[in-house]
Structures are given as C-alpha cells and as structure tokens.
C-alpha cells in the first residue's frame, strides 16, 4: 500500500430493520478494488460487514452490488474516496 487513505460509506442494516451508512477509512493503492476494500474493512475494522464474492475475475457475478447508485461488480470497480456501497435491492 502506498500510505494513502480514503473514506467509503457502507450501508448497514440495524436489528430493527433500519438502515444507515457507516464510514470507514481504508488504506489504498492505485488499483484497490471495492472488493479489496470490503475485505479490508471486514478483516481489520468491522467484522459485521458482509458481502459475497467467488471468482474475483468478473465472471460469476457474486459480488454484484450498488456502487455510487449503479449496479457494478465489486471485483472490477476501483474504489475512490467518498464512494457509497450498498447491497442490491431485493430481487435483483
């Protein structure tokens, strides 16, 4: 890692069904994917953050989520400062 840090917002669900965004600061390099960022947050900051992934190559679609209001694969999307990361809406 280059020593640069950015902040991302990840939507989380509370026990009573309410949702909110939580901010996380993560170290990055020029090619850090959203999937790598989620792995970092889960492994080093907040183990309650959950996500799906499988192939890590943009083939299986398991990591499809809403990133900055667009459906994107987390493994193929480069993370940027201020990014909002949401699960897909139900049934998508």
PDB file of N, CA and C in Angstrom:
ATOM      1  N   UNK A   1       0.841  -1.185   0.000  1.00  0.00           N
ATOM      2  CA  UNK A   1       0.000   0.000   0.000  1.00  0.00           C
ATOM      3  C   UNK A   1       0.887   1.250   0.000  1.00  0.00           C
ATOM      4  N   UNK A   2       0.371   2.276  -0.618  1.00  0.00           N
ATOM      5  CA  UNK A   2       1.152   3.494  -0.792  1.00  0.00           C
ATOM      6  C   UNK A   2       1.102   4.428   0.407  1.00  0.00           C
ATOM      7  N   UNK A   3       0.272   4.143   1.409  1.00  0.00           N
ATOM      8  CA  UNK A   3       0.140   5.023   2.550  1.00  0.00           C
ATOM      9  C   UNK A   3      -1.013   5.990   2.417  1.00  0.00           C
ATOM     10  N   UNK A   4      -1.678   6.016   1.260  1.00  0.00           N
ATOM     11  CA  UNK A   4      -2.831   6.876   1.060  1.00  0.00           C
ATOM     12  C   UNK A   4      -4.062   6.223   1.684  1.00  0.00           C
ATOM     13  N   UNK A   5      -4.927   7.041   2.261  1.00  0.00           N
ATOM     14  CA  UNK A   5      -6.163   6.531   2.851  1.00  0.00           C
ATOM     15  C   UNK A   5      -7.349   7.267   2.255  1.00  0.00           C
ATOM     16  N   UNK A   6      -8.452   6.554   2.133  1.00  0.00           N
ATOM     17  CA  UNK A   6      -9.705   7.151   1.679  1.00  0.00           C
ATOM     18  C   UNK A   6     -10.816   6.719   2.620  1.00  0.00           C
ATOM     19  N   UNK A   7     -11.961   7.377   2.501  1.00  0.00           N
ATOM     20  CA  UNK A   7     -13.127   7.024   3.301  1.00  0.00           C
ATOM     21  C   UNK A   7     -14.228   6.543   2.368  1.00  0.00           C
ATOM     22  N   UNK A   8     -14.851   5.426   2.730  1.00  0.00           N
ATOM     23  CA  UNK A   8     -16.004   4.912   1.994  1.00  0.00           C
ATOM     24  C   UNK A   8     -17.183   4.817   2.945  1.00  0.00           C
ATOM     25  N   UNK A   9     -18.376   4.830   2.385  1.00  0.00           N
ATOM     26  CA  UNK A   9     -19.582   4.676   3.178  1.00  0.00           C
ATOM     27  C   UNK A   9     -20.257   3.374   2.769  1.00  0.00           C
ATOM     28  N   UNK A  10     -20.517   2.523   3.763  1.00  0.00           N
ATOM     29  CA  UNK A  10     -21.145   1.231   3.519  1.00  0.00           C
ATOM     30  C   UNK A  10     -22.475   1.202   4.256  1.00  0.00           C
ATOM     31  N   UNK A  11     -23.540   0.884   3.522  1.00  0.00           N
ATOM     32  CA  UNK A  11     -24.858   0.838   4.152  1.00  0.00           C
ATOM     33  C   UNK A  11     -24.967  -0.414   5.008  1.00  0.00           C
ATOM     34  N   UNK A  12     -25.491  -0.232   6.211  1.00  0.00           N
ATOM     35  CA  UNK A  12     -25.686  -1.357   7.116  1.00  0.00           C
ATOM     36  C   UNK A  12     -27.130  -1.365   7.600  1.00  0.00           C
ATOM     37  N   UNK A  13     -27.579  -2.530   7.987  1.00  0.00           N
ATOM     38  CA  UNK A  13     -28.939  -2.712   8.497  1.00  0.00           C
ATOM     39  C   UNK A  13     -28.895  -2.939   9.995  1.00  0.00           C
ATOM     40  N   UNK A  14     -29.760  -2.238  10.709  1.00  0.00           N
ATOM     41  CA  UNK A  14     -29.863  -2.418  12.144  1.00  0.00           C
ATOM     42  C   UNK A  14     -30.787  -3.579  12.486  1.00  0.00           C
ATOM     43  N   UNK A  15     -30.793  -3.958  13.728  1.00  0.00           N
ATOM     44  CA  UNK A  15     -31.618  -5.076  14.176  1.00  0.00           C
ATOM     45  C   UNK A  15     -33.103  -4.833  13.957  1.00  0.00           C
ATOM     46  N   UNK A  16     -33.526  -3.583  14.001  1.00  0.00           N
ATOM     47  CA  UNK A  16     -34.943  -3.271  13.836  1.00  0.00           C
ATOM     48  C   UNK A  16     -35.312  -2.998  12.376  1.00  0.00           C
ATOM     49  N   UNK A  17     -34.416  -3.269  11.439  1.00  0.00           N
ATOM     50  CA  UNK A  17     -34.692  -3.099  10.023  1.00  0.00           C
ATOM     51  C   UNK A  17     -34.336  -1.744   9.453  1.00  0.00           C
ATOM     52  N   UNK A  18     -33.872  -0.828  10.284  1.00  0.00           N
ATOM     53  CA  UNK A  18     -33.466   0.479   9.773  1.00  0.00           C
ATOM     54  C   UNK A  18     -32.095   0.356   9.113  1.00  0.00           C
ATOM     55  N   UNK A  19     -31.847   1.241   8.168  1.00  0.00           N
ATOM     56  CA  UNK A  19     -30.546   1.239   7.502  1.00  0.00           C
ATOM     57  C   UNK A  19     -29.864   2.586   7.696  1.00  0.00           C
ATOM     58  N   UNK A  20     -28.557   2.554   7.666  1.00  0.00           N
ATOM     59  CA  UNK A  20     -27.765   3.773   7.755  1.00  0.00           C
ATOM     60  C   UNK A  20     -26.412   3.504   7.112  1.00  0.00           C
ATOM     61  N   UNK A  21     -25.695   4.574   6.831  1.00  0.00           N
ATOM     62  CA  UNK A  21     -24.345   4.435   6.292  1.00  0.00           C
ATOM     63  C   UNK A  21     -23.337   4.569   7.415  1.00  0.00           C
ATOM     64  N   UNK A  22     -22.323   3.718   7.354  1.00  0.00           N
ATOM     65  CA  UNK A  22     -21.193   3.820   8.277  1.00  0.00           C
ATOM     66  C   UNK A  22     -19.968   4.177   7.451  1.00  0.00           C
ATOM     67  N   UNK A  23     -19.165   5.081   7.972  1.00  0.00           N
ATOM     68  CA  UNK A  23     -17.942   5.491   7.277  1.00  0.00           C
ATOM     69  C   UNK A  23     -16.755   4.677   7.768  1.00  0.00           C
ATOM     70  N   UNK A  24     -15.915   4.285   6.813  1.00  0.00           N
ATOM     71  CA  UNK A  24     -14.704   3.529   7.123  1.00  0.00           C
ATOM     72  C   UNK A  24     -13.539   4.159   6.367  1.00  0.00           C
ATOM     73  N   UNK A  25     -12.417   4.311   7.043  1.00  0.00           N
ATOM     74  CA  UNK A  25     -11.201   4.798   6.415  1.00  0.00           C
ATOM     75  C   UNK A  25     -10.327   3.593   6.125  1.00  0.00           C
ATOM     76  N   UNK A  26      -9.880   3.498   4.868  1.00  0.00           N
ATOM     77  CA  UNK A  26      -9.094   2.335   4.453  1.00  0.00           C
ATOM     78  C   UNK A  26      -7.841   2.781   3.715  1.00  0.00           C
ATOM     79  N   UNK A  27      -6.750   2.016   3.831  1.00  0.00           N
ATOM     80  CA  UNK A  27      -5.550   2.296   3.038  1.00  0.00           C
ATOM     81  C   UNK A  27      -5.764   1.766   1.616  1.00  0.00           C
ATOM     82  N   UNK A  28      -5.233   2.475   0.627  1.00  0.00           N
ATOM     83  CA  UNK A  28      -5.386   2.025  -0.757  1.00  0.00           C
ATOM     84  C   UNK A  28      -4.084   2.183  -1.517  1.00  0.00           C
ATOM     85  N   UNK A  29      -4.051   1.519  -2.682  1.00  0.00           N
ATOM     86  CA  UNK A  29      -3.047   1.818  -3.692  1.00  0.00           C
ATOM     87  C   UNK A  29      -3.823   2.149  -4.960  1.00  0.00           C
ATOM     88  N   UNK A  30      -3.186   2.390  -6.044  1.00  0.00           N
ATOM     89  CA  UNK A  30      -3.869   2.834  -7.256  1.00  0.00           C
ATOM     90  C   UNK A  30      -4.873   1.863  -7.830  1.00  0.00           C
ATOM     91  N   UNK A  31      -4.775   0.607  -7.483  1.00  0.00           N
ATOM     92  CA  UNK A  31      -5.635  -0.407  -8.077  1.00  0.00           C
ATOM     93  C   UNK A  31      -6.462  -1.159  -7.041  1.00  0.00           C
ATOM     94  N   UNK A  32      -6.837  -0.539  -5.968  1.00  0.00           N
ATOM     95  CA  UNK A  32      -7.627  -1.200  -4.942  1.00  0.00           C
ATOM     96  C   UNK A  32      -9.074  -1.296  -5.406  1.00  0.00           C
ATOM     97  N   UNK A  33      -9.596  -2.513  -5.467  1.00  0.00           N
ATOM     98  CA  UNK A  33     -10.978  -2.705  -5.887  1.00  0.00           C
ATOM     99  C   UNK A  33     -11.924  -2.523  -4.705  1.00  0.00           C
ATOM    100  N   UNK A  34     -13.187  -2.342  -5.015  1.00  0.00           N
ATOM    101  CA  UNK A  34     -14.194  -2.270  -3.959  1.00  0.00           C
ATOM    102  C   UNK A  34     -14.181  -3.571  -3.162  1.00  0.00           C
ATOM    103  N   UNK A  35     -14.006  -4.698  -3.829  1.00  0.00           N
ATOM    104  CA  UNK A  35     -13.949  -5.979  -3.125  1.00  0.00           C
ATOM    105  C   UNK A  35     -12.773  -6.012  -2.148  1.00  0.00           C
ATOM    106  N   UNK A  36     -11.604  -5.529  -2.565  1.00  0.00           N
ATOM    107  CA  UNK A  36     -10.458  -5.465  -1.654  1.00  0.00           C
ATOM    108  C   UNK A  36     -10.751  -4.558  -0.468  1.00  0.00           C
ATOM    109  N   UNK A  37     -11.440  -3.451  -0.716  1.00  0.00           N
ATOM    110  CA  UNK A  37     -11.800  -2.530   0.361  1.00  0.00           C
ATOM    111  C   UNK A  37     -12.746  -3.205   1.345  1.00  0.00           C
ATOM    112  N   UNK A  38     -13.733  -3.918   0.845  1.00  0.00           N
ATOM    113  CA  UNK A  38     -14.669  -4.635   1.722  1.00  0.00           C
ATOM    114  C   UNK A  38     -13.943  -5.700   2.540  1.00  0.00           C
ATOM    115  N   UNK A  39     -13.024  -6.405   1.912  1.00  0.00           N
ATOM    116  CA  UNK A  39     -12.234  -7.408   2.633  1.00  0.00           C
ATOM    117  C   UNK A  39     -11.411  -6.765   3.743  1.00  0.00           C
ATOM    118  N   UNK A  40     -10.831  -5.604   3.460  1.00  0.00           N
ATOM    119  CA  UNK A  40     -10.059  -4.902   4.473  1.00  0.00           C
ATOM    120  C   UNK A  40     -10.946  -4.505   5.650  1.00  0.00           C
ATOM    121  N   UNK A  41     -12.084  -3.901   5.360  1.00  0.00           N
ATOM    122  CA  UNK A  41     -12.991  -3.471   6.425  1.00  0.00           C
ATOM    123  C   UNK A  41     -13.425  -4.663   7.256  1.00  0.00           C
ATOM    124  N   UNK A  42     -13.831  -5.741   6.602  1.00  0.00           N
ATOM    125  CA  UNK A  42     -14.286  -6.939   7.325  1.00  0.00           C
ATOM    126  C   UNK A  42     -13.168  -7.547   8.174  1.00  0.00           C
ATOM    127  N   UNK A  43     -11.972  -7.605   7.632  1.00  0.00           N
ATOM    128  CA  UNK A  43     -10.862  -8.257   8.325  1.00  0.00           C
ATOM    129  C   UNK A  43     -10.152  -7.421   9.372  1.00  0.00           C
ATOM    130  N   UNK A  44     -10.200  -6.085   9.241  1.00  0.00           N
ATOM    131  CA  UNK A  44      -9.404  -5.233  10.121  1.00  0.00           C
ATOM    132  C   UNK A  44     -10.183  -4.207  10.932  1.00  0.00           C
ATOM    133  N   UNK A  45     -11.416  -3.917  10.528  1.00  0.00           N
ATOM    134  CA  UNK A  45     -12.135  -2.825  11.180  1.00  0.00           C
ATOM    135  C   UNK A  45     -13.479  -3.266  11.756  1.00  0.00           C
ATOM    136  N   UNK A  46     -14.300  -3.920  10.942  1.00  0.00           N
ATOM    137  CA  UNK A  46     -15.664  -4.248  11.356  1.00  0.00           C
ATOM    138  C   UNK A  46     -16.076  -5.605  10.798  1.00  0.00           C
ATOM    139  N   UNK A  47     -15.971  -6.658  11.605  1.00  0.00           N
ATOM    140  CA  UNK A  47     -16.296  -7.996  11.114  1.00  0.00           C
ATOM    141  C   UNK A  47     -17.780  -8.203  10.820  1.00  0.00           C
ATOM    142  N   UNK A  48     -18.624  -7.227  11.148  1.00  0.00           N
ATOM    143  CA  UNK A  48     -20.048  -7.376  10.829  1.00  0.00           C
ATOM    144  C   UNK A  48     -20.357  -7.005   9.384  1.00  0.00           C
ATOM    145  N   UNK A  49     -19.422  -6.379   8.672  1.00  0.00           N
ATOM    146  CA  UNK A  49     -19.629  -6.064   7.254  1.00  0.00           C
ATOM    147  C   UNK A  49     -19.602  -7.377   6.480  1.00  0.00           C
ATOM    148  N   UNK A  50     -20.664  -7.616   5.711  1.00  0.00           N
ATOM    149  CA  UNK A  50     -20.723  -8.863   4.950  1.00  0.00           C
ATOM    150  C   UNK A  50     -20.956  -8.574   3.473  1.00  0.00           C
ATOM    151  N   UNK A  51     -20.519  -9.477   2.639  1.00  0.00           N
ATOM    152  CA  UNK A  51     -20.592  -9.345   1.186  1.00  0.00           C
ATOM    153  C   UNK A  51     -20.391 -10.727   0.592  1.00  0.00           C
ATOM    154  N   UNK A  52     -20.666 -10.858  -0.704  1.00  0.00           N
ATOM    155  CA  UNK A  52     -20.442 -12.127  -1.395  1.00  0.00           C
ATOM    156  C   UNK A  52     -19.386 -11.931  -2.471  1.00  0.00           C
ATOM    157  N   UNK A  53     -18.587 -12.955  -2.660  1.00  0.00           N
ATOM    158  CA  UNK A  53     -17.627 -12.967  -3.764  1.00  0.00           C
ATOM    159  C   UNK A  53     -17.258 -14.411  -4.046  1.00  0.00           C
ATOM    160  N   UNK A  54     -16.736 -14.651  -5.240  1.00  0.00           N
ATOM    161  CA  UNK A  54     -16.325 -16.003  -5.581  1.00  0.00           C
ATOM    162  C   UNK A  54     -15.091 -15.966  -6.479  1.00  0.00           C
ATOM    163  N   UNK A  55     -15.266 -15.661  -7.749  1.00  0.00           N
ATOM    164  CA  UNK A  55     -14.162 -15.817  -8.697  1.00  0.00           C
ATOM    165  C   UNK A  55     -13.139 -14.682  -8.681  1.00  0.00           C
ATOM    166  N   UNK A  56     -13.534 -13.483  -8.271  1.00  0.00           N
ATOM    167  CA  UNK A  56     -12.669 -12.305  -8.230  1.00  0.00           C
ATOM    168  C   UNK A  56     -12.199 -11.851  -9.615  1.00  0.00           C
ATOM    169  N   UNK A  57     -12.849 -12.329 -10.698  1.00  0.00           N
ATOM    170  CA  UNK A  57     -12.431 -12.002 -12.061  1.00  0.00           C
ATOM    171  C   UNK A  57     -13.556 -11.440 -12.923  1.00  0.00           C
ATOM    172  N   UNK A  58     -14.686 -11.092 -12.339  1.00  0.00           N
ATOM    173  CA  UNK A  58     -15.780 -10.521 -13.111  1.00  0.00           C
ATOM    174  C   UNK A  58     -16.567 -11.523 -13.920  1.00  0.00           C
ATOM    175  N   UNK A  59     -16.488 -12.797 -13.562  1.00  0.00           N
ATOM    176  CA  UNK A  59     -17.180 -13.829 -14.324  1.00  0.00           C
ATOM    177  C   UNK A  59     -18.460 -14.295 -13.635  1.00  0.00           C
ATOM    178  N   UNK A  60     -18.399 -14.549 -12.351  1.00  0.00           N
ATOM    179  CA  UNK A  60     -19.519 -15.207 -11.656  1.00  0.00           C
ATOM    180  C   UNK A  60     -20.660 -14.258 -11.280  1.00  0.00           C
ATOM    181  N   UNK A  61     -20.369 -12.993 -11.046  1.00  0.00           N
ATOM    182  CA  UNK A  61     -21.404 -12.032 -10.666  1.00  0.00           C
ATOM    183  C   UNK A  61     -21.775 -12.040  -9.196  1.00  0.00           C
ATOM    184  N   UNK A  62     -21.101 -12.847  -8.388  1.00  0.00           N
ATOM    185  CA  UNK A  62     -21.445 -12.941  -6.961  1.00  0.00           C
ATOM    186  C   UNK A  62     -21.254 -11.614  -6.231  1.00  0.00           C
ATOM    187  N   UNK A  63     -20.324 -10.791  -6.661  1.00  0.00           N
ATOM    188  CA  UNK A  63     -20.027  -9.539  -5.953  1.00  0.00           C
ATOM    189  C   UNK A  63     -20.795  -8.344  -6.525  1.00  0.00           C
ATOM    190  N   UNK A  64     -21.852  -8.594  -7.298  1.00  0.00           N
ATOM    191  CA  UNK A  64     -22.661  -7.506  -7.843  1.00  0.00           C
ATOM    192  C   UNK A  64     -23.338  -6.754  -6.711  1.00  0.00           C
ATOM    193  N   UNK A  65     -23.196  -5.439  -6.717  1.00  0.00           N
ATOM    194  CA  UNK A  65     -23.804  -4.594  -5.693  1.00  0.00           C
ATOM    195  C   UNK A  65     -24.035  -3.209  -6.277  1.00  0.00           C
ATOM    196  N   UNK A  66     -24.629  -2.349  -5.502  1.00  0.00           N
ATOM    197  CA  UNK A  66     -24.860  -0.980  -5.941  1.00  0.00           C
ATOM    198  C   UNK A  66     -23.723  -0.115  -5.419  1.00  0.00           C
ATOM    199  N   UNK A  67     -22.982   0.469  -6.338  1.00  0.00           N
ATOM    200  CA  UNK A  67     -21.822   1.281  -6.003  1.00  0.00           C
ATOM    201  C   UNK A  67     -22.045   2.662  -6.608  1.00  0.00           C
ATOM    202  N   UNK A  68     -22.137   3.675  -5.758  1.00  0.00           N
ATOM    203  CA  UNK A  68     -22.456   5.036  -6.214  1.00  0.00           C
ATOM    204  C   UNK A  68     -23.699   5.038  -7.108  1.00  0.00           C
ATOM    205  N   UNK A  69     -24.735   4.332  -6.651  1.00  0.00           N
ATOM    206  CA  UNK A  69     -26.056   4.289  -7.298  1.00  0.00           C
ATOM    207  C   UNK A  69     -26.081   3.548  -8.628  1.00  0.00           C
ATOM    208  N   UNK A  70     -25.042   2.782  -8.957  1.00  0.00           N
ATOM    209  CA  UNK A  70     -25.015   1.982 -10.173  1.00  0.00           C
ATOM    210  C   UNK A  70     -24.717   0.535  -9.835  1.00  0.00           C
ATOM    211  N   UNK A  71     -25.345  -0.390 -10.551  1.00  0.00           N
ATOM    212  CA  UNK A  71     -25.030  -1.809 -10.376  1.00  0.00           C
ATOM    213  C   UNK A  71     -23.644  -2.064 -10.949  1.00  0.00           C
ATOM    214  N   UNK A  72     -22.751  -2.568 -10.101  1.00  0.00           N
ATOM    215  CA  UNK A  72     -21.372  -2.807 -10.520  1.00  0.00           C
ATOM    216  C   UNK A  72     -20.845  -4.058  -9.830  1.00  0.00           C
ATOM    217  N   UNK A  73     -19.828  -4.669 -10.431  1.00  0.00           N
ATOM    218  CA  UNK A  73     -19.122  -5.772  -9.793  1.00  0.00           C
ATOM    219  C   UNK A  73     -18.040  -5.187  -8.895  1.00  0.00           C
ATOM    220  N   UNK A  74     -18.030  -5.577  -7.640  1.00  0.00           N
ATOM    221  CA  UNK A  74     -17.052  -5.052  -6.684  1.00  0.00           C
ATOM    222  C   UNK A  74     -15.632  -5.440  -7.061  1.00  0.00           C
ATOM    223  N   UNK A  75     -15.457  -6.592  -7.694  1.00  0.00           N
ATOM    224  CA  UNK A  75     -14.107  -7.043  -8.052  1.00  0.00           C
ATOM    225  C   UNK A  75     -13.514  -6.266  -9.223  1.00  0.00           C
ATOM    226  N   UNK A  76     -14.352  -5.588 -10.012  1.00  0.00           N
ATOM    227  CA  UNK A  76     -13.874  -4.857 -11.183  1.00  0.00           C
ATOM    228  C   UNK A  76     -13.948  -3.338 -11.028  1.00  0.00           C
ATOM    229  N   UNK A  77     -14.413  -2.861  -9.897  1.00  0.00           N
ATOM    230  CA  UNK A  77     -14.594  -1.428  -9.685  1.00  0.00           C
ATOM    231  C   UNK A  77     -13.502  -0.909  -8.760  1.00  0.00           C
ATOM    232  N   UNK A  78     -12.778   0.108  -9.206  1.00  0.00           N
ATOM    233  CA  UNK A  78     -11.729   0.718  -8.381  1.00  0.00           C
ATOM    234  C   UNK A  78     -12.392   1.612  -7.344  1.00  0.00           C
ATOM    235  N   UNK A  79     -11.983   1.446  -6.101  1.00  0.00           N
ATOM    236  CA  UNK A  79     -12.561   2.226  -5.006  1.00  0.00           C
ATOM    237  C   UNK A  79     -12.017   3.653  -5.047  1.00  0.00           C
ATOM    238  N   UNK A  80     -12.899   4.623  -4.748  1.00  0.00           N
ATOM    239  CA  UNK A  80     -12.498   6.027  -4.709  1.00  0.00           C
ATOM    240  C   UNK A  80     -13.017   6.666  -3.427  1.00  0.00           C
ATOM    241  N   UNK A  81     -12.425   7.768  -3.052  1.00  0.00           N
ATOM    242  CA  UNK A  81     -12.803   8.476  -1.842  1.00  0.00           C
ATOM    243  C   UNK A  81     -14.263   8.921  -1.914  1.00  0.00           C
ATOM    244  N   UNK A  82     -14.990   8.704  -0.831  1.00  0.00           N
ATOM    245  CA  UNK A  82     -16.386   9.125  -0.747  1.00  0.00           C
ATOM    246  C   UNK A  82     -17.373   8.176  -1.373  1.00  0.00           C
ATOM    247  N   UNK A  83     -16.924   7.037  -1.854  1.00  0.00           N
ATOM    248  CA  UNK A  83     -17.794   6.079  -2.519  1.00  0.00           C
ATOM    249  C   UNK A  83     -18.863   5.550  -1.570  1.00  0.00           C
ATOM    250  N   UNK A  84     -20.087   5.363  -2.089  1.00  0.00           N
ATOM    251  CA  UNK A  84     -21.171   4.760  -1.312  1.00  0.00           C
ATOM    252  C   UNK A  84     -21.399   3.351  -1.846  1.00  0.00           C
ATOM    253  N   UNK A  85     -21.407   2.395  -0.925  1.00  0.00           N
ATOM    254  CA  UNK A  85     -21.542   0.988  -1.270  1.00  0.00           C
ATOM    255  C   UNK A  85     -22.796   0.439  -0.612  1.00  0.00           C
ATOM    256  N   UNK A  86     -23.699  -0.106  -1.442  1.00  0.00           N
ATOM    257  CA  UNK A  86     -24.957  -0.655  -0.979  1.00  0.00           C
ATOM    258  C   UNK A  86     -25.143  -2.065  -1.514  1.00  0.00           C
ATOM    259  N   UNK A  87     -25.907  -2.886  -0.790  1.00  0.00           N
ATOM    260  CA  UNK A  87     -26.304  -4.166  -1.372  1.00  0.00           C
ATOM    261  C   UNK A  87     -27.298  -3.902  -2.507  1.00  0.00           C
ATOM    262  N   UNK A  88     -27.512  -4.884  -3.350  1.00  0.00           N
ATOM    263  CA  UNK A  88     -28.564  -4.754  -4.352  1.00  0.00           C
ATOM    264  C   UNK A  88     -29.917  -4.748  -3.662  1.00  0.00           C
ATOM    265  N   UNK A  89     -30.857  -4.067  -4.241  1.00  0.00           N
ATOM    266  CA  UNK A  89     -32.222  -4.094  -3.700  1.00  0.00           C
ATOM    267  C   UNK A  89     -32.757  -5.509  -3.865  1.00  0.00           C
ATOM    268  N   UNK A  90     -33.659  -5.920  -3.008  1.00  0.00           N
ATOM    269  CA  UNK A  90     -34.216  -7.267  -3.048  1.00  0.00           C
ATOM    270  C   UNK A  90     -34.735  -7.653  -4.405  1.00  0.00           C
ATOM    271  N   UNK A  91     -34.442  -8.896  -4.819  1.00  0.00           N
ATOM    272  CA  UNK A  91     -34.938  -9.434  -6.055  1.00  0.00           C
ATOM    273  C   UNK A  91     -34.120  -9.093  -7.287  1.00  0.00           C
ATOM    274  N   UNK A  92     -33.058  -8.349  -7.157  1.00  0.00           N
ATOM    275  CA  UNK A  92     -32.259  -8.003  -8.341  1.00  0.00           C
ATOM    276  C   UNK A  92     -31.228  -9.059  -8.616  1.00  0.00           C
TER     277      UNK A  92
END
